[in-house]
C-alpha atoms as a PDB file:
ATOM      1  CA  UNK A   1      25.276 -16.699  -3.308  1.00  0.00           C
ATOM      2  CA  UNK A   2      22.060 -16.354  -5.276  1.00  0.00           C
ATOM      3  CA  UNK A   3      23.978 -15.361  -8.400  1.00  0.00           C
ATOM      4  CA  UNK A   4      26.252 -18.401  -8.081  1.00  0.00           C
ATOM      5  CA  UNK A   5      23.269 -20.716  -7.657  1.00  0.00           C
ATOM      6  CA  UNK A   6      21.674 -19.182 -10.754  1.00  0.00           C
ATOM      7  CA  UNK A   7      24.865 -19.557 -12.784  1.00  0.00           C
ATOM      8  CA  UNK A   8      25.154 -23.205 -11.814  1.00  0.00           C
ATOM      9  CA  UNK A   9      21.383 -23.803 -12.125  1.00  0.00           C
ATOM     10  CA  UNK A  10      21.251 -25.121  -8.561  1.00  0.00           C
ATOM     11  CA  UNK A  11      17.619 -24.786  -7.576  1.00  0.00           C
ATOM     12  CA  UNK A  12      17.552 -26.595  -4.250  1.00  0.00           C
ATOM     13  CA  UNK A  13      19.362 -24.025  -2.078  1.00  0.00           C
ATOM     14  CA  UNK A  14      18.438 -20.841  -3.939  1.00  0.00           C
ATOM     15  CA  UNK A  15      14.991 -20.229  -2.359  1.00  0.00           C
ATOM     16  CA  UNK A  16      16.528 -20.293   1.115  1.00  0.00           C
ATOM     17  CA  UNK A  17      18.874 -17.421   0.294  1.00  0.00           C
ATOM     18  CA  UNK A  18      16.200 -15.507  -1.584  1.00  0.00           C
ATOM     19  CA  UNK A  19      13.993 -15.794   1.489  1.00  0.00           C
ATOM     20  CA  UNK A  20      16.794 -14.534   3.732  1.00  0.00           C
ATOM     21  CA  UNK A  21      17.204 -11.534   1.425  1.00  0.00           C
ATOM     22  CA  UNK A  22      13.463 -10.872   1.568  1.00  0.00           C
ATOM     23  CA  UNK A  23      13.462 -10.832   5.380  1.00  0.00           C
ATOM     24  CA  UNK A  24      16.597  -8.681   5.411  1.00  0.00           C
ATOM     25  CA  UNK A  25      15.025  -6.067   3.169  1.00  0.00           C
ATOM     26  CA  UNK A  26      11.835  -6.160   5.225  1.00  0.00           C
ATOM     27  CA  UNK A  27      13.856  -5.511   8.373  1.00  0.00           C
ATOM     28  CA  UNK A  28      15.418  -2.490   6.662  1.00  0.00           C
ATOM     29  CA  UNK A  29      11.966  -1.178   5.729  1.00  0.00           C
ATOM     30  CA  UNK A  30      12.521  -1.651   1.996  1.00  0.00           C
ATOM     31  CA  UNK A  31       9.205  -3.049   0.845  1.00  0.00           C
ATOM     32  CA  UNK A  32       9.869  -3.151  -2.905  1.00  0.00           C
ATOM     33  CA  UNK A  33      13.063  -5.179  -2.534  1.00  0.00           C
ATOM     34  CA  UNK A  34      11.494  -7.446   0.095  1.00  0.00           C
ATOM     35  CA  UNK A  35       8.539  -8.124  -2.176  1.00  0.00           C
ATOM     36  CA  UNK A  36      10.839  -8.860  -5.123  1.00  0.00           C
ATOM     37  CA  UNK A  37      12.922 -11.389  -3.212  1.00  0.00           C
ATOM     38  CA  UNK A  38       9.984 -13.045  -1.469  1.00  0.00           C
ATOM     39  CA  UNK A  39       8.320 -13.528  -4.865  1.00  0.00           C
ATOM     40  CA  UNK A  40      11.417 -15.263  -6.156  1.00  0.00           C
ATOM     41  CA  UNK A  41      11.645 -17.372  -3.005  1.00  0.00           C
ATOM     42  CA  UNK A  42       8.008 -18.400  -3.311  1.00  0.00           C
ATOM     43  CA  UNK A  43       8.500 -19.527  -6.908  1.00  0.00           C
ATOM     44  CA  UNK A  44      11.594 -21.488  -5.927  1.00  0.00           C
ATOM     45  CA  UNK A  45       9.952 -23.143  -2.929  1.00  0.00           C
ATOM     46  CA  UNK A  46       7.036 -24.188  -5.140  1.00  0.00           C
ATOM     47  CA  UNK A  47       9.476 -26.060  -7.378  1.00  0.00           C
ATOM     48  CA  UNK A  48      11.686 -27.471  -4.628  1.00  0.00           C
ATOM     49  CA  UNK A  49       9.200 -28.206  -1.839  1.00  0.00           C
ATOM     50  CA  UNK A  50       5.753 -28.093  -3.474  1.00  0.00           C
ATOM     51  CA  UNK A  51       2.785 -25.729  -3.414  1.00  0.00           C
ATOM     52  CA  UNK A  52       1.409 -27.015  -0.115  1.00  0.00           C
ATOM     53  CA  UNK A  53       4.739 -26.983   1.712  1.00  0.00           C
ATOM     54  CA  UNK A  54       5.340 -25.062   4.915  1.00  0.00           C
ATOM     55  CA  UNK A  55       8.067 -23.136   3.076  1.00  0.00           C
ATOM     56  CA  UNK A  56       5.543 -21.744   0.594  1.00  0.00           C
ATOM     57  CA  UNK A  57       3.038 -21.005   3.348  1.00  0.00           C
ATOM     58  CA  UNK A  58       5.726 -19.207   5.355  1.00  0.00           C
ATOM     59  CA  UNK A  59       6.848 -16.902   2.535  1.00  0.00           C
ATOM     60  CA  UNK A  60       3.255 -16.329   1.448  1.00  0.00           C
ATOM     61  CA  UNK A  61       2.675 -14.623   4.821  1.00  0.00           C
ATOM     62  CA  UNK A  62       5.397 -12.096   4.055  1.00  0.00           C
ATOM     63  CA  UNK A  63       4.145 -11.675   0.484  1.00  0.00           C
ATOM     64  CA  UNK A  64       0.595 -10.992   1.679  1.00  0.00           C
ATOM     65  CA  UNK A  65       1.549  -8.160   4.031  1.00  0.00           C
ATOM     66  CA  UNK A  66       5.181  -7.063   4.002  1.00  0.00           C
ATOM     67  CA  UNK A  67       4.612  -4.050   6.267  1.00  0.00           C
ATOM     68  CA  UNK A  68       2.446  -6.013   8.708  1.00  0.00           C
ATOM     69  CA  UNK A  69       4.810  -8.965   8.935  1.00  0.00           C
ATOM     70  CA  UNK A  70       6.818  -9.524  12.115  1.00  0.00           C
ATOM     71  CA  UNK A  71      10.072  -9.006  10.206  1.00  0.00           C
ATOM     72  CA  UNK A  72       9.110  -5.467   9.115  1.00  0.00           C
ATOM     73  CA  UNK A  73      11.410  -2.894  10.616  1.00  0.00           C
ATOM     74  CA  UNK A  74      10.431   0.212   8.701  1.00  0.00           C
ATOM     75  CA  UNK A  75       8.962   3.439   9.982  1.00  0.00           C
ATOM     76  CA  UNK A  76       6.249   1.458  11.794  1.00  0.00           C
ATOM     77  CA  UNK A  77       8.639   0.346  14.527  1.00  0.00           C
END
């Protein structure tokens, strides 16, 4: 989905799917991939919803501490 949105330059829906990927990778305990996708989602949400939006605040929590986030499912759990 993300690739299709990129190809069509559709920015509105893309951050949602990037965020889902970030949480999915966090649940699998894959910090590097989670961090990559959450960074992309944060950039997209800044454009689509604005810097002060709840979307940006929400993904910033994951960005700040991937392993400490509630979605983390790595060796800690």
